[in-house]
N, C-alpha and C. Protein backbone atom coordinates (compact mmCIF):
# COMPACT_ATOMS: atom_id res chain seq x y z
N MET A 1 -136.09 40.68 -140.57
CA MET A 1 -136.93 39.96 -141.53
C MET A 1 -138.36 40.46 -141.50
N ARG A 2 -138.77 40.90 -140.30
CA ARG A 2 -140.16 41.34 -140.19
C ARG A 2 -140.42 42.55 -141.08
N GLY A 3 -139.49 43.52 -141.07
CA GLY A 3 -139.67 44.70 -141.90
C GLY A 3 -139.66 44.37 -143.37
N SER A 4 -138.80 43.42 -143.77
CA SER A 4 -138.75 43.01 -145.17
C SER A 4 -140.06 42.37 -145.60
N SER A 5 -140.66 41.57 -144.71
CA SER A 5 -141.94 40.93 -145.03
C SER A 5 -143.04 41.96 -145.20
N ILE A 6 -143.06 42.95 -144.30
CA ILE A 6 -144.08 44.01 -144.39
C ILE A 6 -143.92 44.77 -145.70
N LEU A 7 -142.67 45.13 -146.00
CA LEU A 7 -142.42 45.88 -147.23
C LEU A 7 -142.82 45.07 -148.46
N ARG A 8 -142.53 43.75 -148.43
CA ARG A 8 -142.89 42.89 -149.55
C ARG A 8 -144.40 42.82 -149.74
N LEU A 9 -145.14 42.69 -148.64
CA LEU A 9 -146.60 42.63 -148.73
C LEU A 9 -147.18 43.93 -149.27
N LEU A 10 -146.64 45.05 -148.79
CA LEU A 10 -147.14 46.34 -149.26
C LEU A 10 -146.79 46.55 -150.73
N SER A 11 -145.63 46.08 -151.14
CA SER A 11 -145.26 46.20 -152.55
C SER A 11 -146.20 45.39 -153.43
N ILE A 12 -146.56 44.17 -152.96
CA ILE A 12 -147.51 43.34 -153.71
C ILE A 12 -148.86 44.03 -153.81
N ALA A 13 -149.31 44.62 -152.69
CA ALA A 13 -150.60 45.32 -152.70
C ALA A 13 -150.57 46.48 -153.67
N PHE A 14 -149.43 47.17 -153.72
CA PHE A 14 -149.29 48.29 -154.64
C PHE A 14 -149.38 47.81 -156.09
N LEU A 15 -148.71 46.70 -156.39
CA LEU A 15 -148.75 46.16 -157.75
C LEU A 15 -150.16 45.73 -158.12
N VAL A 16 -150.89 45.16 -157.16
CA VAL A 16 -152.28 44.76 -157.42
C VAL A 16 -153.13 45.98 -157.77
N ALA A 17 -152.90 47.08 -157.03
CA ALA A 17 -153.65 48.31 -157.31
C ALA A 17 -153.35 48.83 -158.71
N ILE A 18 -152.06 48.78 -159.10
CA ILE A 18 -151.68 49.24 -160.43
C ILE A 18 -152.29 48.35 -161.50
N MET A 19 -152.29 47.02 -161.25
CA MET A 19 -152.91 46.11 -162.21
C MET A 19 -154.40 46.38 -162.34
N ALA A 20 -155.06 46.70 -161.22
CA ALA A 20 -156.49 47.02 -161.28
C ALA A 20 -156.72 48.25 -162.11
N PHE A 21 -155.82 49.22 -161.97
CA PHE A 21 -155.93 50.46 -162.75
C PHE A 21 -155.81 50.18 -164.24
N ASN A 22 -154.89 49.28 -164.59
CA ASN A 22 -154.64 49.01 -166.00
C ASN A 22 -155.69 48.11 -166.62
N THR A 23 -156.42 47.33 -165.80
CA THR A 23 -157.38 46.39 -166.37
C THR A 23 -158.82 46.85 -166.27
N VAL A 24 -159.11 47.91 -165.49
CA VAL A 24 -160.47 48.43 -165.44
C VAL A 24 -160.84 49.00 -166.79
N PRO A 25 -161.94 48.58 -167.39
CA PRO A 25 -162.30 49.09 -168.71
C PRO A 25 -162.50 50.59 -168.67
N ALA A 26 -162.05 51.26 -169.74
CA ALA A 26 -162.24 52.71 -169.82
C ALA A 26 -163.70 52.97 -170.13
N SER A 27 -164.47 53.20 -169.10
CA SER A 27 -165.91 53.34 -169.26
C SER A 27 -166.25 54.73 -169.74
N ALA A 28 -165.85 55.00 -170.98
CA ALA A 28 -166.08 56.33 -171.53
C ALA A 28 -167.56 56.64 -171.66
N ASN A 29 -168.40 55.59 -171.74
CA ASN A 29 -169.83 55.82 -171.84
C ASN A 29 -170.44 56.15 -170.48
N GLY A 30 -169.70 55.90 -169.40
CA GLY A 30 -170.24 56.15 -168.08
C GLY A 30 -170.03 57.57 -167.59
N VAL A 31 -169.02 58.24 -168.12
CA VAL A 31 -168.72 59.60 -167.70
C VAL A 31 -168.67 60.49 -168.94
N PRO A 32 -168.94 61.78 -168.79
CA PRO A 32 -168.86 62.68 -169.95
C PRO A 32 -167.46 62.67 -170.54
N VAL A 33 -167.38 62.71 -171.85
CA VAL A 33 -166.10 62.74 -172.54
C VAL A 33 -166.07 63.85 -173.57
N LYS A 34 -164.87 64.28 -173.92
CA LYS A 34 -164.67 65.30 -174.95
C LYS A 34 -163.88 64.67 -176.08
N LEU A 35 -164.47 64.65 -177.26
CA LEU A 35 -163.82 64.04 -178.42
C LEU A 35 -163.39 65.14 -179.39
N ILE A 36 -162.15 65.07 -179.83
CA ILE A 36 -161.66 66.00 -180.83
C ILE A 36 -162.02 65.45 -182.21
N LEU A 37 -162.69 66.26 -183.01
CA LEU A 37 -163.15 65.83 -184.33
C LEU A 37 -162.27 66.41 -185.42
N THR A 38 -161.73 65.57 -186.29
CA THR A 38 -160.93 66.00 -187.42
C THR A 38 -161.27 65.14 -188.63
N TYR A 39 -160.70 65.50 -189.75
CA TYR A 39 -160.86 64.70 -190.96
C TYR A 39 -159.94 63.50 -190.83
N LEU A 40 -160.51 62.31 -190.69
CA LEU A 40 -159.75 61.10 -190.44
C LEU A 40 -159.62 60.28 -191.72
N THR A 41 -158.41 60.11 -192.20
CA THR A 41 -158.18 59.27 -193.37
C THR A 41 -158.62 57.84 -193.08
N GLY A 42 -159.38 57.28 -193.98
CA GLY A 42 -159.89 55.93 -193.79
C GLY A 42 -161.31 55.91 -193.25
N TYR A 43 -161.77 57.05 -192.73
CA TYR A 43 -163.13 57.16 -192.20
C TYR A 43 -163.86 58.32 -192.87
N SER A 44 -163.24 59.48 -192.95
CA SER A 44 -163.86 60.66 -193.55
C SER A 44 -163.68 60.61 -195.07
N ASN A 45 -164.72 61.02 -195.78
CA ASN A 45 -164.64 61.02 -197.25
C ASN A 45 -165.37 62.22 -197.87
N TRP A 46 -165.78 63.16 -197.02
CA TRP A 46 -166.56 64.30 -197.52
C TRP A 46 -166.16 65.56 -196.78
N GLY A 47 -166.13 66.67 -197.51
CA GLY A 47 -165.95 67.97 -196.89
C GLY A 47 -164.49 68.40 -196.78
N PRO A 48 -164.29 69.63 -196.29
CA PRO A 48 -162.94 70.18 -196.16
C PRO A 48 -162.08 69.35 -195.20
N THR A 49 -160.86 69.06 -195.62
CA THR A 49 -159.97 68.28 -194.76
C THR A 49 -159.46 69.09 -193.58
N GLY A 50 -159.62 70.41 -193.66
CA GLY A 50 -159.15 71.26 -192.56
C GLY A 50 -160.22 71.54 -191.51
N ALA A 51 -161.42 71.00 -191.69
CA ALA A 51 -162.48 71.20 -190.70
C ALA A 51 -162.13 70.50 -189.39
N ALA A 52 -162.61 71.05 -188.28
CA ALA A 52 -162.32 70.46 -186.97
C ALA A 52 -163.44 70.83 -186.01
N GLY A 53 -163.54 70.06 -184.94
CA GLY A 53 -164.59 70.34 -183.96
C GLY A 53 -164.38 69.57 -182.67
N VAL A 54 -165.36 69.72 -181.79
CA VAL A 54 -165.34 69.04 -180.50
C VAL A 54 -166.73 68.49 -180.23
N ALA A 55 -166.79 67.26 -179.76
CA ALA A 55 -168.06 66.65 -179.36
C ALA A 55 -168.00 66.34 -177.86
N ASP A 56 -168.83 67.04 -177.08
CA ASP A 56 -168.96 66.73 -175.65
C ASP A 56 -170.14 65.78 -175.50
N ILE A 57 -169.87 64.57 -175.03
CA ILE A 57 -170.88 63.53 -174.98
C ILE A 57 -171.06 63.03 -173.55
N GLY A 58 -172.31 62.95 -173.10
CA GLY A 58 -172.63 62.36 -171.82
C GLY A 58 -173.70 61.30 -172.01
N VAL A 59 -173.27 60.06 -172.19
CA VAL A 59 -174.23 58.98 -172.43
C VAL A 59 -175.12 58.78 -171.21
N ARG A 60 -174.52 58.72 -170.04
CA ARG A 60 -175.30 58.48 -168.81
C ARG A 60 -176.23 59.66 -168.53
N ASP A 61 -175.74 60.88 -168.80
CA ASP A 61 -176.56 62.07 -168.53
C ASP A 61 -177.47 62.43 -169.69
N GLY A 62 -177.28 61.81 -170.84
CA GLY A 62 -178.17 62.02 -171.98
C GLY A 62 -178.04 63.37 -172.66
N TYR A 63 -176.83 63.73 -173.05
CA TYR A 63 -176.67 64.99 -173.77
C TYR A 63 -175.53 64.90 -174.77
N ALA A 64 -175.58 65.81 -175.74
CA ALA A 64 -174.51 65.94 -176.72
C ALA A 64 -174.38 67.42 -177.08
N HIS A 65 -173.16 67.91 -177.11
CA HIS A 65 -172.88 69.28 -177.53
C HIS A 65 -171.80 69.23 -178.60
N ILE A 66 -172.16 69.65 -179.80
CA ILE A 66 -171.25 69.57 -180.94
C ILE A 66 -170.89 70.98 -181.40
N THR A 67 -169.60 71.26 -181.46
CA THR A 67 -169.12 72.52 -182.03
C THR A 67 -168.11 72.18 -183.11
N ALA A 68 -168.10 72.98 -184.18
CA ALA A 68 -167.17 72.72 -185.28
C ALA A 68 -166.98 73.99 -186.10
N THR A 69 -165.88 74.05 -186.80
CA THR A 69 -165.59 75.14 -187.73
C THR A 69 -165.05 74.54 -189.02
N GLY A 70 -165.26 75.26 -190.10
CA GLY A 70 -164.70 74.83 -191.38
C GLY A 70 -165.60 73.96 -192.21
N LEU A 71 -166.82 73.69 -191.74
CA LEU A 71 -167.78 72.90 -192.53
C LEU A 71 -168.76 73.85 -193.22
N PRO A 72 -169.00 73.67 -194.49
CA PRO A 72 -169.87 74.61 -195.21
C PRO A 72 -171.33 74.48 -194.79
N GLN A 73 -172.04 75.59 -194.90
CA GLN A 73 -173.49 75.54 -194.67
C GLN A 73 -174.13 74.77 -195.83
N LEU A 74 -175.03 73.86 -195.50
CA LEU A 74 -175.64 73.00 -196.51
C LEU A 74 -176.99 73.56 -196.94
N PRO A 75 -177.18 73.83 -198.23
CA PRO A 75 -178.45 74.37 -198.69
C PRO A 75 -179.56 73.33 -198.80
N GLU A 76 -179.20 72.11 -199.12
CA GLU A 76 -180.21 71.07 -199.36
C GLU A 76 -180.15 69.92 -198.34
N ASP A 77 -179.03 69.73 -197.72
CA ASP A 77 -178.84 68.60 -196.82
C ASP A 77 -178.66 69.08 -195.37
N MET A 78 -178.42 68.13 -194.49
CA MET A 78 -178.16 68.41 -193.07
C MET A 78 -177.01 67.53 -192.59
N TYR A 79 -176.31 68.04 -191.59
CA TYR A 79 -175.32 67.21 -190.91
C TYR A 79 -176.05 66.38 -189.84
N GLU A 80 -175.49 65.21 -189.55
CA GLU A 80 -176.04 64.37 -188.49
C GLU A 80 -174.90 63.75 -187.70
N GLY A 81 -175.01 63.80 -186.38
CA GLY A 81 -173.98 63.24 -185.52
C GLY A 81 -174.33 61.83 -185.09
N TRP A 82 -173.32 60.95 -185.07
CA TRP A 82 -173.54 59.55 -184.77
C TRP A 82 -172.57 59.04 -183.71
N LEU A 83 -173.11 58.44 -182.66
CA LEU A 83 -172.31 57.66 -181.74
C LEU A 83 -172.20 56.26 -182.32
N VAL A 84 -170.99 55.70 -182.30
CA VAL A 84 -170.77 54.43 -182.99
C VAL A 84 -169.95 53.48 -182.12
N ASN A 85 -170.33 52.21 -182.13
CA ASN A 85 -169.48 51.14 -181.64
C ASN A 85 -168.93 50.46 -182.88
N THR A 86 -167.66 50.71 -183.18
CA THR A 86 -167.09 50.20 -184.44
C THR A 86 -166.90 48.70 -184.43
N ASN A 87 -166.94 48.07 -183.25
CA ASN A 87 -166.77 46.62 -183.17
C ASN A 87 -168.07 45.88 -183.49
N THR A 88 -169.21 46.51 -183.19
CA THR A 88 -170.51 45.86 -183.44
C THR A 88 -171.32 46.57 -184.52
N ASN A 89 -170.83 47.75 -184.96
CA ASN A 89 -171.52 48.58 -185.96
C ASN A 89 -172.86 49.12 -185.46
N GLN A 90 -173.06 49.14 -184.14
CA GLN A 90 -174.26 49.76 -183.57
C GLN A 90 -174.07 51.27 -183.51
N THR A 91 -175.15 51.99 -183.79
CA THR A 91 -175.07 53.45 -183.84
C THR A 91 -176.24 54.09 -183.09
N PHE A 92 -176.04 55.35 -182.73
CA PHE A 92 -177.11 56.15 -182.15
C PHE A 92 -176.96 57.57 -182.68
N SER A 93 -178.04 58.09 -183.25
CA SER A 93 -178.02 59.45 -183.79
C SER A 93 -178.28 60.47 -182.69
N VAL A 94 -177.45 61.50 -182.64
CA VAL A 94 -177.68 62.59 -181.68
C VAL A 94 -178.44 63.74 -182.32
N GLY A 95 -178.84 63.57 -183.60
CA GLY A 95 -179.67 64.58 -184.24
C GLY A 95 -179.02 65.24 -185.45
N LYS A 96 -179.84 66.03 -186.14
CA LYS A 96 -179.39 66.73 -187.34
C LYS A 96 -179.20 68.22 -187.06
N PHE A 97 -178.28 68.83 -187.76
CA PHE A 97 -177.96 70.25 -187.56
C PHE A 97 -177.28 70.78 -188.81
N ASN A 98 -177.04 72.07 -188.83
CA ASN A 98 -176.39 72.69 -189.99
C ASN A 98 -175.36 73.70 -189.51
N ALA A 99 -174.47 74.06 -190.39
CA ALA A 99 -173.50 75.12 -190.09
C ALA A 99 -174.12 76.47 -190.46
N ASP A 100 -173.60 77.52 -189.83
CA ASP A 100 -174.09 78.85 -190.20
C ASP A 100 -173.32 79.34 -191.42
N ALA A 101 -173.58 80.58 -191.82
CA ALA A 101 -172.96 81.13 -193.03
C ALA A 101 -171.44 81.22 -192.91
N ASN A 102 -170.93 81.23 -191.68
CA ASN A 102 -169.49 81.31 -191.46
C ASN A 102 -168.83 79.93 -191.31
N GLY A 103 -169.62 78.89 -191.53
CA GLY A 103 -169.06 77.55 -191.43
C GLY A 103 -168.90 77.05 -190.01
N LYS A 104 -169.70 77.60 -189.09
CA LYS A 104 -169.60 77.19 -187.69
C LYS A 104 -170.83 76.38 -187.27
N ILE A 105 -170.60 75.41 -186.41
CA ILE A 105 -171.67 74.58 -185.85
C ILE A 105 -171.65 74.70 -184.33
N ASP A 106 -172.81 74.91 -183.75
CA ASP A 106 -172.96 74.92 -182.29
C ASP A 106 -174.31 74.28 -181.99
N TYR A 107 -174.27 73.00 -181.70
CA TYR A 107 -175.50 72.21 -181.59
C TYR A 107 -175.57 71.52 -180.23
N ASN A 108 -176.74 71.62 -179.60
CA ASN A 108 -176.99 70.98 -178.31
C ASN A 108 -178.18 70.04 -178.43
N ALA A 109 -178.10 68.90 -177.77
CA ALA A 109 -179.22 67.96 -177.75
C ALA A 109 -179.27 67.27 -176.40
N GLU A 110 -180.50 67.07 -175.90
CA GLU A 110 -180.70 66.34 -174.65
C GLU A 110 -181.67 65.18 -174.91
N PHE A 111 -181.46 64.08 -174.21
CA PHE A 111 -182.24 62.87 -174.43
C PHE A 111 -182.70 62.30 -173.09
N ASP A 112 -183.89 61.69 -173.12
CA ASP A 112 -184.34 60.97 -171.93
C ASP A 112 -183.39 59.84 -171.60
N LYS A 113 -182.88 59.21 -172.67
CA LYS A 113 -181.95 58.11 -172.48
C LYS A 113 -181.14 57.89 -173.74
N ILE A 114 -179.84 57.70 -173.57
CA ILE A 114 -178.98 57.25 -174.65
C ILE A 114 -178.58 55.82 -174.33
N PRO A 115 -178.92 54.86 -175.16
CA PRO A 115 -178.55 53.47 -174.86
C PRO A 115 -177.04 53.32 -174.77
N ASP A 116 -176.57 52.67 -173.73
CA ASP A 116 -175.14 52.47 -173.54
C ASP A 116 -174.69 51.26 -174.37
N LEU A 117 -174.12 51.55 -175.54
CA LEU A 117 -173.68 50.49 -176.45
C LEU A 117 -172.16 50.42 -176.54
N SER A 118 -171.49 50.90 -175.51
CA SER A 118 -170.02 50.89 -175.47
C SER A 118 -169.44 51.61 -176.69
N TYR A 119 -169.90 52.83 -176.91
CA TYR A 119 -169.43 53.60 -178.04
C TYR A 119 -167.93 53.88 -177.93
N ASN A 120 -167.27 53.89 -179.07
CA ASN A 120 -165.86 54.26 -179.08
C ASN A 120 -165.53 55.23 -180.20
N PHE A 121 -166.56 55.75 -180.87
CA PHE A 121 -166.33 56.57 -182.05
C PHE A 121 -167.50 57.54 -182.24
N PHE A 122 -167.19 58.71 -182.81
CA PHE A 122 -168.23 59.68 -183.15
C PHE A 122 -167.91 60.23 -184.53
N ILE A 123 -168.94 60.33 -185.38
CA ILE A 123 -168.72 60.84 -186.73
C ILE A 123 -169.91 61.68 -187.18
N ILE A 124 -169.63 62.65 -188.01
CA ILE A 124 -170.67 63.51 -188.59
C ILE A 124 -170.86 63.12 -190.05
N SER A 125 -172.09 62.82 -190.39
CA SER A 125 -172.40 62.47 -191.78
C SER A 125 -173.22 63.59 -192.42
N VAL A 126 -173.40 63.49 -193.72
CA VAL A 126 -174.25 64.44 -194.46
C VAL A 126 -175.47 63.67 -194.94
N GLU A 127 -176.66 64.17 -194.58
CA GLU A 127 -177.91 63.46 -194.84
C GLU A 127 -178.91 64.36 -195.57
N PRO A 128 -179.75 63.75 -196.39
CA PRO A 128 -180.86 64.53 -196.98
C PRO A 128 -181.77 65.05 -195.86
N LYS A 129 -182.37 66.22 -196.07
CA LYS A 129 -183.24 66.80 -195.04
C LYS A 129 -184.40 65.88 -194.70
N ASN A 130 -185.05 65.35 -195.72
CA ASN A 130 -186.16 64.43 -195.50
C ASN A 130 -185.71 63.01 -195.85
N ASP A 131 -184.88 62.46 -194.97
CA ASP A 131 -184.26 61.17 -195.24
C ASP A 131 -185.05 60.05 -194.56
N PRO A 132 -185.66 59.15 -195.32
CA PRO A 132 -186.42 58.06 -194.71
C PRO A 132 -185.53 56.94 -194.16
N ASP A 133 -184.26 56.94 -194.58
CA ASP A 133 -183.34 55.87 -194.17
C ASP A 133 -182.79 56.19 -192.78
N PRO A 134 -183.01 55.31 -191.78
CA PRO A 134 -182.52 55.58 -190.43
C PRO A 134 -181.01 55.38 -190.29
N ALA A 135 -180.38 54.77 -191.28
CA ALA A 135 -178.94 54.54 -191.21
C ALA A 135 -178.17 55.77 -191.69
N ALA A 136 -176.89 55.81 -191.35
CA ALA A 136 -176.05 56.94 -191.74
C ALA A 136 -175.77 56.90 -193.25
N ASP A 137 -175.69 58.09 -193.84
CA ASP A 137 -175.38 58.20 -195.26
C ASP A 137 -173.91 57.84 -195.48
N ALA A 138 -173.59 57.55 -196.74
CA ALA A 138 -172.20 57.19 -197.07
C ALA A 138 -171.27 58.40 -197.00
N ARG A 139 -171.82 59.61 -197.01
CA ARG A 139 -170.97 60.80 -196.94
C ARG A 139 -170.58 61.07 -195.49
N LYS A 140 -169.32 60.87 -195.17
CA LYS A 140 -168.83 61.00 -193.79
C LYS A 140 -167.84 62.16 -193.71
N SER A 141 -168.04 63.01 -192.71
CA SER A 141 -167.15 64.16 -192.52
C SER A 141 -166.25 63.92 -191.30
N ILE A 142 -166.05 64.95 -190.50
CA ILE A 142 -165.09 64.86 -189.40
C ILE A 142 -165.54 63.86 -188.33
N ALA A 143 -164.57 63.29 -187.65
CA ALA A 143 -164.86 62.23 -186.69
C ALA A 143 -163.80 62.20 -185.60
N GLY A 144 -164.06 61.43 -184.56
CA GLY A 144 -163.10 61.30 -183.48
C GLY A 144 -163.36 60.06 -182.64
N PHE A 145 -162.28 59.54 -182.04
CA PHE A 145 -162.39 58.36 -181.19
C PHE A 145 -162.57 58.72 -179.73
N TYR A 146 -163.29 57.86 -179.02
CA TYR A 146 -163.35 57.96 -177.57
C TYR A 146 -161.95 57.73 -177.00
N PRO A 147 -161.68 58.29 -175.81
CA PRO A 147 -160.40 57.99 -175.15
C PRO A 147 -160.25 56.49 -174.93
N ALA A 148 -159.01 56.02 -175.02
CA ALA A 148 -158.69 54.60 -174.81
C ALA A 148 -159.60 53.72 -175.66
N HIS A 149 -159.78 54.12 -176.93
CA HIS A 149 -160.70 53.39 -177.79
C HIS A 149 -160.20 51.98 -178.06
N ASN A 150 -161.15 51.10 -178.34
CA ASN A 150 -160.83 49.71 -178.68
C ASN A 150 -161.58 49.36 -179.95
N THR A 151 -160.88 49.36 -181.06
CA THR A 151 -161.52 49.13 -182.34
C THR A 151 -160.88 47.94 -183.04
N THR A 152 -161.60 47.37 -183.97
CA THR A 152 -161.06 46.27 -184.74
C THR A 152 -160.11 46.78 -185.82
N GLN A 153 -160.20 48.06 -186.13
CA GLN A 153 -159.33 48.65 -187.14
C GLN A 153 -159.07 50.10 -186.81
N ASP A 154 -157.80 50.46 -186.71
CA ASP A 154 -157.43 51.84 -186.43
C ASP A 154 -157.37 52.64 -187.72
N PRO A 155 -157.66 53.93 -187.65
CA PRO A 155 -157.52 54.76 -188.85
C PRO A 155 -156.06 55.04 -189.14
N ALA A 156 -155.79 55.55 -190.31
CA ALA A 156 -154.41 55.87 -190.67
C ALA A 156 -153.90 57.05 -189.87
N GLN A 157 -154.79 57.97 -189.48
CA GLN A 157 -154.39 59.14 -188.72
C GLN A 157 -155.32 59.31 -187.53
N LEU A 158 -154.74 59.55 -186.38
CA LEU A 158 -155.53 59.82 -185.19
C LEU A 158 -155.55 61.31 -184.92
N PRO A 159 -156.65 61.83 -184.35
CA PRO A 159 -156.70 63.26 -184.04
C PRO A 159 -155.67 63.62 -182.99
N GLN A 160 -155.01 64.75 -183.18
CA GLN A 160 -154.01 65.25 -182.23
C GLN A 160 -154.55 66.49 -181.55
N THR A 161 -154.34 66.60 -180.26
CA THR A 161 -154.79 67.77 -179.52
C THR A 161 -153.93 67.96 -178.29
N GLY A 162 -153.76 69.20 -177.90
CA GLY A 162 -152.99 69.49 -176.69
C GLY A 162 -153.89 69.56 -175.48
N GLU A 163 -155.20 69.47 -175.67
CA GLU A 163 -156.14 69.55 -174.56
C GLU A 163 -156.20 68.25 -173.79
N ALA A 164 -156.35 68.38 -172.49
CA ALA A 164 -156.51 67.18 -171.66
C ALA A 164 -157.91 66.64 -171.86
N THR A 165 -158.00 65.32 -172.01
CA THR A 165 -159.28 64.65 -172.19
C THR A 165 -159.53 63.74 -171.01
N PRO A 166 -160.71 63.80 -170.38
CA PRO A 166 -160.96 62.93 -169.23
C PRO A 166 -160.93 61.47 -169.63
N LEU A 167 -159.95 60.71 -169.09
CA LEU A 167 -159.78 59.32 -169.47
C LEU A 167 -160.30 58.34 -168.44
N TYR A 168 -160.35 58.75 -167.18
CA TYR A 168 -160.56 57.77 -166.13
C TYR A 168 -161.82 58.04 -165.34
N GLY A 169 -162.46 56.94 -164.94
CA GLY A 169 -163.64 57.02 -164.10
C GLY A 169 -163.27 56.84 -162.65
N LEU A 170 -164.28 56.66 -161.79
CA LEU A 170 -164.07 56.57 -160.36
C LEU A 170 -163.21 55.37 -159.99
N GLY A 171 -163.46 54.23 -160.62
CA GLY A 171 -162.69 53.03 -160.28
C GLY A 171 -161.20 53.20 -160.54
N GLU A 172 -160.87 53.80 -161.68
CA GLU A 172 -159.47 54.00 -162.01
C GLU A 172 -158.81 54.96 -161.03
N MET A 173 -159.51 56.05 -160.67
CA MET A 173 -158.93 57.03 -159.74
C MET A 173 -158.73 56.42 -158.37
N LEU A 174 -159.68 55.57 -157.94
CA LEU A 174 -159.52 54.90 -156.64
C LEU A 174 -158.31 53.97 -156.66
N ALA A 175 -158.11 53.30 -157.78
CA ALA A 175 -156.96 52.41 -157.87
C ALA A 175 -155.66 53.17 -157.75
N VAL A 176 -155.56 54.30 -158.46
CA VAL A 176 -154.35 55.10 -158.38
C VAL A 176 -154.16 55.65 -156.98
N GLY A 177 -155.25 56.19 -156.41
CA GLY A 177 -155.16 56.73 -155.05
C GLY A 177 -154.75 55.66 -154.05
N GLY A 178 -155.30 54.45 -154.22
CA GLY A 178 -154.94 53.36 -153.32
C GLY A 178 -153.48 52.99 -153.44
N GLY A 179 -152.97 52.99 -154.67
CA GLY A 179 -151.56 52.68 -154.87
C GLY A 179 -150.65 53.69 -154.21
N LEU A 180 -150.99 54.97 -154.36
CA LEU A 180 -150.19 56.02 -153.73
C LEU A 180 -150.25 55.93 -152.22
N LEU A 181 -151.44 55.64 -151.68
CA LEU A 181 -151.60 55.51 -150.24
C LEU A 181 -150.77 54.35 -149.70
N LEU A 182 -150.79 53.23 -150.42
CA LEU A 182 -149.99 52.08 -150.00
C LEU A 182 -148.51 52.39 -150.01
N THR A 183 -148.07 53.16 -151.00
CA THR A 183 -146.66 53.54 -151.06
C THR A 183 -146.28 54.38 -149.85
N LEU A 184 -147.14 55.35 -149.50
CA LEU A 184 -146.87 56.19 -148.34
C LEU A 184 -146.83 55.35 -147.06
N CYS A 185 -147.77 54.43 -146.93
CA CYS A 185 -147.81 53.56 -145.74
C CYS A 185 -146.55 52.72 -145.64
N ALA A 186 -146.08 52.22 -146.80
CA ALA A 186 -144.86 51.42 -146.80
C ALA A 186 -143.69 52.23 -146.27
N GLY A 187 -143.60 53.49 -146.71
CA GLY A 187 -142.51 54.33 -146.24
C GLY A 187 -142.57 54.56 -144.75
N VAL A 188 -143.78 54.81 -144.24
CA VAL A 188 -143.94 55.06 -142.81
C VAL A 188 -143.59 53.82 -142.00
N VAL A 189 -144.12 52.64 -142.43
CA VAL A 189 -143.87 51.40 -141.69
C VAL A 189 -142.40 51.05 -141.67
N VAL A 190 -141.76 51.14 -142.84
CA VAL A 190 -140.34 50.79 -142.90
C VAL A 190 -139.51 51.77 -142.10
N GLY A 191 -139.89 53.06 -142.14
CA GLY A 191 -139.16 54.06 -141.36
C GLY A 191 -139.24 53.77 -139.88
N ARG A 192 -140.44 53.45 -139.40
CA ARG A 192 -140.61 53.14 -137.98
C ARG A 192 -139.88 51.86 -137.60
N TRP A 193 -139.93 50.86 -138.48
CA TRP A 193 -139.23 49.61 -138.20
C TRP A 193 -137.73 49.83 -138.12
N SER A 194 -137.19 50.66 -139.02
CA SER A 194 -135.75 50.93 -139.01
C SER A 194 -135.34 51.64 -137.74
N LYS A 195 -136.16 52.61 -137.30
CA LYS A 195 -135.86 53.31 -136.07
C LYS A 195 -135.93 52.36 -134.88
N GLY A 196 -136.91 51.41 -134.93
CA GLY A 196 -137.03 50.44 -133.84
C GLY A 196 -135.81 49.55 -133.75
N ARG A 197 -135.29 49.13 -134.88
CA ARG A 197 -134.10 48.29 -134.88
C ARG A 197 -132.90 49.05 -134.37
N ALA A 198 -132.82 50.33 -134.77
CA ALA A 198 -131.69 51.14 -134.33
C ALA A 198 -131.72 51.31 -132.82
N SER A 199 -132.94 51.56 -132.28
CA SER A 199 -133.08 51.72 -130.83
C SER A 199 -132.78 50.45 -130.11
N ALA A 200 -133.20 49.32 -130.66
CA ALA A 200 -132.95 48.03 -130.04
C ALA A 200 -131.46 47.74 -130.00
N GLY A 201 -130.76 48.13 -131.09
CA GLY A 201 -129.32 47.91 -131.15
C GLY A 201 -128.59 48.72 -130.10
N LYS A 202 -129.04 49.98 -129.89
CA LYS A 202 -128.41 50.82 -128.87
C LYS A 202 -128.65 50.27 -127.48
N ASN A 203 -129.84 49.73 -127.23
CA ASN A 203 -130.15 49.20 -125.89
C ASN A 203 -129.29 47.98 -125.55
N LYS A 204 -128.91 47.25 -126.60
CA LYS A 204 -128.05 46.12 -126.37
C LYS A 204 -126.66 46.59 -125.89
């Protein structure tokens, strides 16, 4: 019975670790993330539907790196990148940029601070060069969701990519590591207990 009790306790601890892993919020704003940008039905309404890009975002570190292909060079307007919390409609602009003659974008920006507003979305809009309006224009191009996004409304199409995207922070990794460690400990304890019982039986 003693071995069964130990195994039961370790199994419970393992389940607790797994539950912690599943309930820790995906703090995408706390660690750098890579967002795949595509033309999203229901969100995008401007530009080539075949355009695509990548947004590397570090809210805590204060940087944004935007690369894209398939977007035309704008003679009169500029592209602008926006971090968005779709649940609260709060936004943060990472700046304006343009594509080159080949339709490529390679834009870097660094900030003293990016306010952590629990962003779950990134979108590129088209803005007048001398735009007095601080809000995003109605012309929206390619966009992408943060990993494990939580929105009040999902788009009709989600971006697909074969690239691995960093989903988990330190808390989640510790939870997984703890669960694996507990599993190994359970195996060792039960193995030793079984050998002890076998030896005790022989001594009898």
